[in-house]
Each structure stands twice: as C-alpha cells, then as structure tokens.
Protein backbone atom coordinates (compact mmCIF):
# COMPACT_ATOMS: atom_id res chain seq x y z
CA UNK A 1 -179.71 102.53 164.05
CA UNK A 2 -178.51 102.50 160.11
CA UNK A 3 -180.55 103.80 157.50
CA UNK A 4 -180.83 102.06 153.93
CA UNK A 5 -182.18 103.20 150.79
CA UNK A 6 -183.97 100.33 148.87
CA UNK A 7 -183.94 101.90 144.70
CA UNK A 8 -185.89 99.39 143.01
CA UNK A 9 -189.09 99.15 141.17
CA UNK A 10 -190.22 95.65 142.18
CA UNK A 11 -192.92 96.64 145.34
CA UNK A 12 -193.21 93.36 146.49
CA UNK A 13 -189.38 92.55 146.93
CA UNK A 14 -189.08 96.26 148.82
CA UNK A 15 -192.01 94.69 151.41
CA UNK A 16 -190.59 92.04 151.79
CA UNK A 17 -186.66 93.36 152.52
CA UNK A 18 -188.64 96.05 154.69
CA UNK A 19 -189.69 92.74 156.40
CA UNK A 20 -186.31 91.11 157.29
CA UNK A 21 -184.35 94.30 157.69
CA UNK A 22 -186.62 95.97 159.80
CA UNK A 23 -186.03 93.39 163.22
CA UNK A 24 -182.30 94.04 162.28
CA UNK A 25 -182.41 97.13 163.33
CA UNK A 26 -182.67 98.78 160.06
CA UNK A 27 -184.43 101.74 159.21
CA UNK A 28 -185.66 101.72 155.48
CA UNK A 29 -186.81 104.32 152.75
CA UNK A 30 -187.58 102.87 149.46
CA UNK A 31 -188.04 104.51 145.81
CA UNK A 32 -189.25 102.79 142.72
CA UNK A 33 -187.33 104.49 139.89
CA UNK A 34 -183.76 105.40 139.33
CA UNK A 35 -184.71 109.20 139.07
CA UNK A 36 -186.46 109.62 142.45
CA UNK A 37 -183.94 107.00 143.93
CA UNK A 38 -180.87 109.30 143.00
CA UNK A 39 -182.72 112.33 144.57
CA UNK A 40 -183.58 110.64 147.93
CA UNK A 41 -180.14 109.68 148.02
CA UNK A 42 -178.70 112.93 147.51
CA UNK A 43 -181.36 114.95 149.86
CA UNK A 44 -181.02 112.83 152.95
CA UNK A 45 -178.14 110.82 154.81
CA UNK A 46 -177.79 107.04 154.15
CA UNK A 47 -175.69 104.38 155.42
CA UNK A 48 -175.94 102.42 152.88
CA UNK A 49 -177.78 101.81 149.51
CA UNK A 50 -179.48 99.14 147.46
CA UNK A 51 -179.43 99.67 144.14
CA UNK A 52 -181.42 97.59 141.17
CA UNK A 53 -179.76 97.34 137.73
CA UNK A 54 -183.00 97.19 136.15
CA UNK A 55 -184.84 100.56 136.69
CA UNK A 56 -187.37 102.51 135.21
CA UNK A 57 -186.79 106.02 133.94
CA UNK A 58 -182.96 105.72 134.92
CA UNK A 59 -181.28 102.32 135.02
CA UNK A 60 -179.00 101.48 138.06
CA UNK A 61 -175.96 101.92 136.00
CA UNK A 62 -176.86 105.91 135.53
CA UNK A 63 -178.35 106.18 139.07
CA UNK A 64 -174.80 104.92 140.42
CA UNK A 65 -172.80 107.42 138.10
CA UNK A 66 -175.24 110.44 139.75
CA UNK A 67 -174.86 109.07 143.03
CA UNK A 68 -171.16 108.57 142.70
CA UNK A 69 -170.81 111.97 141.16
CA UNK A 70 -172.20 113.73 144.67
CA UNK A 71 -171.88 110.99 147.57
CA UNK A 72 -169.63 107.99 148.66
CA UNK A 73 -172.46 106.30 150.49
CA UNK A 74 -171.58 102.21 150.00
CA UNK A 75 -173.82 100.79 147.41
CA UNK A 76 -174.62 97.41 146.97
CA UNK A 77 -176.20 96.24 143.51
CA UNK A 78 -178.56 93.58 142.48
CA UNK A 79 -178.16 92.31 139.60
CA UNK A 80 -179.81 89.81 137.18
CA UNK A 81 -178.20 86.04 137.84
CA UNK A 82 -175.86 85.06 135.26
CA UNK A 83 -175.35 88.96 134.35
CA UNK A 84 -171.73 88.83 134.65
CA UNK A 85 -171.37 92.21 132.87
CA UNK A 86 -173.72 93.76 134.67
CA UNK A 87 -171.62 93.28 138.08
CA UNK A 88 -168.22 93.78 136.50
CA UNK A 89 -169.49 97.09 135.10
CA UNK A 90 -171.29 98.08 138.57
CA UNK A 91 -168.26 97.21 140.64
CA UNK A 92 -166.03 99.48 138.07
CA UNK A 93 -168.45 102.40 138.27
CA UNK A 94 -168.00 102.48 142.08
CA UNK A 95 -170.82 100.11 143.92
CA UNK A 96 -169.13 98.60 147.13
CA UNK A 97 -170.43 95.00 146.51
CA UNK A 98 -173.34 92.88 144.39
CA UNK A 99 -175.85 90.30 145.19
CA UNK A 100 -177.67 88.11 142.30
CA UNK A 101 -181.32 88.26 142.05
CA UNK A 102 -183.06 85.96 142.90
CA UNK A 103 -181.17 85.89 146.83
CA UNK A 104 -182.13 84.77 150.09
CA UNK A 105 -182.72 87.70 152.54
CA UNK A 106 -180.34 86.41 155.10
CA UNK A 107 -177.72 86.64 152.85
CA UNK A 108 -178.31 90.27 151.78
CA UNK A 109 -178.05 91.05 155.64
CA UNK A 110 -174.56 89.35 155.47
CA UNK A 111 -173.61 91.76 152.63
CA UNK A 112 -174.96 94.67 154.18
CA UNK A 113 -173.58 94.15 157.93
CA UNK A 114 -170.17 93.60 156.05
CA UNK A 115 -169.95 96.42 154.29
CA UNK A 116 -171.10 98.29 157.32
CA UNK A 117 -168.60 96.88 159.96
CA UNK A 118 -165.72 97.91 157.03
CA UNK A 119 -167.23 101.63 157.26
CA UNK A 120 -167.75 101.88 160.88
CA UNK A 121 -164.42 100.38 161.45
CA UNK A 122 -162.78 103.26 158.97
CA UNK A 123 -164.37 105.51 161.18
CA UNK A 124 -163.23 104.19 164.38
CA UNK A 125 -159.47 104.59 163.02
CA UNK A 126 -160.13 108.09 161.89
CA UNK A 127 -160.98 108.96 165.60
CA UNK A 128 -158.40 107.00 167.14
CA UNK A 129 -155.41 108.42 165.19
CA UNK A 130 -152.83 107.63 167.85
CA UNK A 131 -153.16 103.81 167.28
CA UNK A 132 -153.30 103.71 163.55
CA UNK A 133 -150.16 102.14 161.83
CA UNK A 134 -147.34 104.52 160.86
CA UNK A 135 -146.92 105.90 157.40
CA UNK A 136 -146.61 102.97 154.90
CA UNK A 137 -144.11 103.31 152.56
CA UNK A 138 -143.06 101.14 149.59
CA UNK A 139 -140.74 103.34 146.70
CA UNK A 140 -142.51 106.21 145.73
CA UNK A 141 -145.99 105.28 146.87
CA UNK A 142 -146.94 106.59 150.26
CA UNK A 143 -150.42 105.64 152.24
CA UNK A 144 -151.03 107.56 155.41
CA UNK A 145 -153.87 105.13 157.11
CA UNK A 146 -155.24 107.81 159.56
CA UNK A 147 -155.83 110.55 156.94
CA UNK A 148 -157.07 107.76 154.50
CA UNK A 149 -154.46 109.39 151.91
CA UNK A 150 -152.72 108.05 149.51
CA UNK A 151 -149.79 109.30 146.79
CA UNK A 152 -147.60 108.34 144.09
CA UNK A 153 -144.96 110.26 143.32
CA UNK A 154 -146.40 113.87 143.49
CA UNK A 155 -149.92 112.52 142.87
CA UNK A 156 -152.40 112.39 145.05
CA UNK A 157 -155.05 109.61 144.35
CA UNK A 158 -158.36 109.13 145.39
CA UNK A 159 -159.50 105.78 146.48
CA UNK A 160 -162.65 104.03 147.07
CA UNK A 161 -163.45 102.31 150.54
CA UNK A 162 -162.57 99.02 149.31
CA UNK A 163 -159.59 100.06 147.14
CA UNK A 164 -157.96 101.66 150.21
CA UNK A 165 -158.48 98.24 152.13
CA UNK A 166 -156.90 96.36 149.19
CA UNK A 167 -153.66 98.79 148.96
CA UNK A 168 -153.20 99.01 152.76
CA UNK A 169 -153.09 95.00 152.49
CA UNK A 170 -150.62 94.60 149.73
CA UNK A 171 -148.50 96.97 151.27
CA UNK A 172 -148.29 95.98 154.59
CA UNK A 173 -147.24 92.62 152.59
CA UNK A 174 -145.28 94.03 150.30
CA UNK A 175 -143.00 91.53 148.20
CA UNK A 176 -145.10 88.56 149.35
CA UNK A 177 -148.80 87.14 147.89
CA UNK A 178 -152.00 88.47 149.64
CA UNK A 179 -154.36 85.67 148.75
CA UNK A 180 -157.75 86.57 147.63
CA UNK A 181 -159.25 85.00 150.51
CA UNK A 182 -157.32 87.07 152.63
CA UNK A 183 -158.57 90.03 150.47
CA UNK A 184 -162.27 89.23 150.49
CA UNK A 185 -162.72 89.35 154.22
CA UNK A 186 -160.35 92.03 154.53
CA UNK A 187 -162.01 94.65 151.64
CA UNK A 188 -165.30 92.97 151.44
CA UNK A 189 -165.94 91.55 155.00
CA UNK A 190 -166.91 87.95 153.50
CA UNK A 191 -165.81 84.70 151.93
CA UNK A 192 -164.93 84.43 148.47
CA UNK A 193 -166.87 82.37 145.71
CA UNK A 194 -165.53 80.22 143.04
CA UNK A 195 -167.13 82.56 139.98
CA UNK A 196 -167.16 85.67 142.20
CA UNK A 197 -164.87 88.26 140.68
CA UNK A 198 -165.27 91.39 142.82
CA UNK A 199 -161.88 91.53 144.59
CA UNK A 200 -160.35 91.07 140.47
CA UNK A 201 -162.35 94.36 139.61
CA UNK A 202 -161.56 96.37 142.61
CA UNK A 203 -157.48 95.25 141.50
CA UNK A 204 -157.94 96.48 138.23
CA UNK A 205 -159.30 99.70 138.89
CA UNK A 206 -156.59 100.23 141.56
CA UNK A 207 -153.93 99.48 139.09
CA UNK A 208 -155.34 102.27 136.68
CA UNK A 209 -155.17 104.76 139.21
CA UNK A 210 -151.97 103.86 140.25
CA UNK A 211 -150.46 103.75 136.68
CA UNK A 212 -152.29 107.00 135.91
CA UNK A 213 -150.30 108.66 138.52
CA UNK A 214 -147.00 107.07 137.47
CA UNK A 215 -146.82 105.41 134.20
CA UNK A 216 -145.19 102.18 133.45
CA UNK A 217 -144.31 100.94 136.39
CA UNK A 218 -145.50 97.52 137.07
CA UNK A 219 -146.67 97.52 140.71
CA UNK A 220 -149.38 94.70 141.42
CA UNK A 221 -148.52 91.46 139.92
CA UNK A 222 -151.34 88.86 139.66
CA UNK A 223 -150.54 85.33 141.08
CA UNK A 224 -152.78 82.98 139.07
CA UNK A 225 -155.55 81.25 140.95
CA UNK A 226 -153.99 82.54 144.34
CA UNK A 227 -153.91 85.97 144.91
CA UNK A 228 -151.55 89.53 144.39
CA UNK A 229 -148.43 90.47 145.22
CA UNK A 230 -147.27 94.47 145.35
CA UNK A 231 -143.91 94.28 143.63
CA UNK A 232 -140.64 95.50 145.30
CA UNK A 233 -138.14 96.82 143.26
CA UNK A 234 -135.87 93.90 143.22
CA UNK A 235 -139.00 91.40 142.26
CA UNK A 236 -139.47 93.61 138.94
CA UNK A 237 -138.56 92.17 135.88
C-alpha cells in the first residue's frame, strides 16, 4: 500500500481526496500548514507528497525547499489555476509534477499513479542490474543506468528522477530529435498538453547542471514546437 502525505490547509479538500484515494489502495496522512507538513514528511516514510502552494506558517515553496534539503520523496504541487509562474518555480525547486486547482480527483489519481510507476520502474531496474543497458557514453558524458550515476568530464552530476529519465532518452537517441510527447510519457508518465511547460522546465534545469560541470558546450538543442536533440560533435555549430 502506497503511503501519501497531503499538505493542504483546505480540510474539505483533504477529506475529499481521502475519500477518493483510499479506495484506490492509498494510505493517507494530512498536514494543514507548511511547517507541520515538513516535520511529518521528514519524520515518516512516504511514497509521495501532495503539496499546496498557498499554506499558512510556511508556504509551499519554503516547504518544498526544506523537504528537498533532506529527502527525495516525489512531490506533486497544487497551484492556483492560471499561475504559471508558481508551476515553473515549483518544478525548478524540485517538484516532480503539478496540478492546477480546481481539478478533477481522477486526474490527480492518474498523476499519482504515473509518478509512482516511474519510481517503481527505477527501483526494479536497480534490483535487476543484469538486465540494464550498458553505460551510455556521448563524448565526455557518461550515464550508468544501474547506479543512476552521471558524470560529465570529471564531475559527478546529481539529477532528479525526471531529469535522469530525460537525459537517458536523449542519450539513447543522440543526434536525433526526441519529441516532447515522447519525453512526457517517458519522464512524467503522461500525455502532454498544449500549455504544459513541465518538460521544458526540467530540460532547462538539466542544461544548467550540465553547463555547470563543463561550461560553454551546447549539448541539448531545442527543436522549436517539436522536441529536443542531444548534439553530437558533428552537429555542433
């Protein structure tokens, strides 16, 4: 049974989500302010955290920052409809996905299951190293799927689960475009939508981490309105 922590000051919404999620096989705990949520998130083991942006005591961004400093539990953020900046900031700070309020509980369940499928797939991969693909090497970048280790030059790079999935897909298809739709399904476990910039924000974070390890080298090229491409040496301008 997957254990989920809901951090939201809307007690009515928490009760509603509990009614929807419990029959789906989830064990639910709730916290109604950011400080309480951080304390509970770090005191117990959860499979996933649902975190609202607008919280008393400590807002969702501060709570996420504190959570990410200590644990890597997947986080889905709840944001006000139309507040794109909140979604972008949340993803940049380490959220795995987001959902705008108001939302259909069935959509939240789908997002939760997509994140958990990805996490479970990664765990299964670690337990079956012999079945994993060999180390991916493109120029000075190396990725070891088994150990989830990425090195660029002589530097180890710490990637989130989503960033790792994106980079793995790009490296496997180095020199060829990977569509945004493909990356949504591979890294987030769901279909894309017209105004959803989740993948773009994760790619931006990935670029920054690669550039910090080896500055001045263009590695990931944006194919406008289509997808992304990991550049081979022959394709560099």
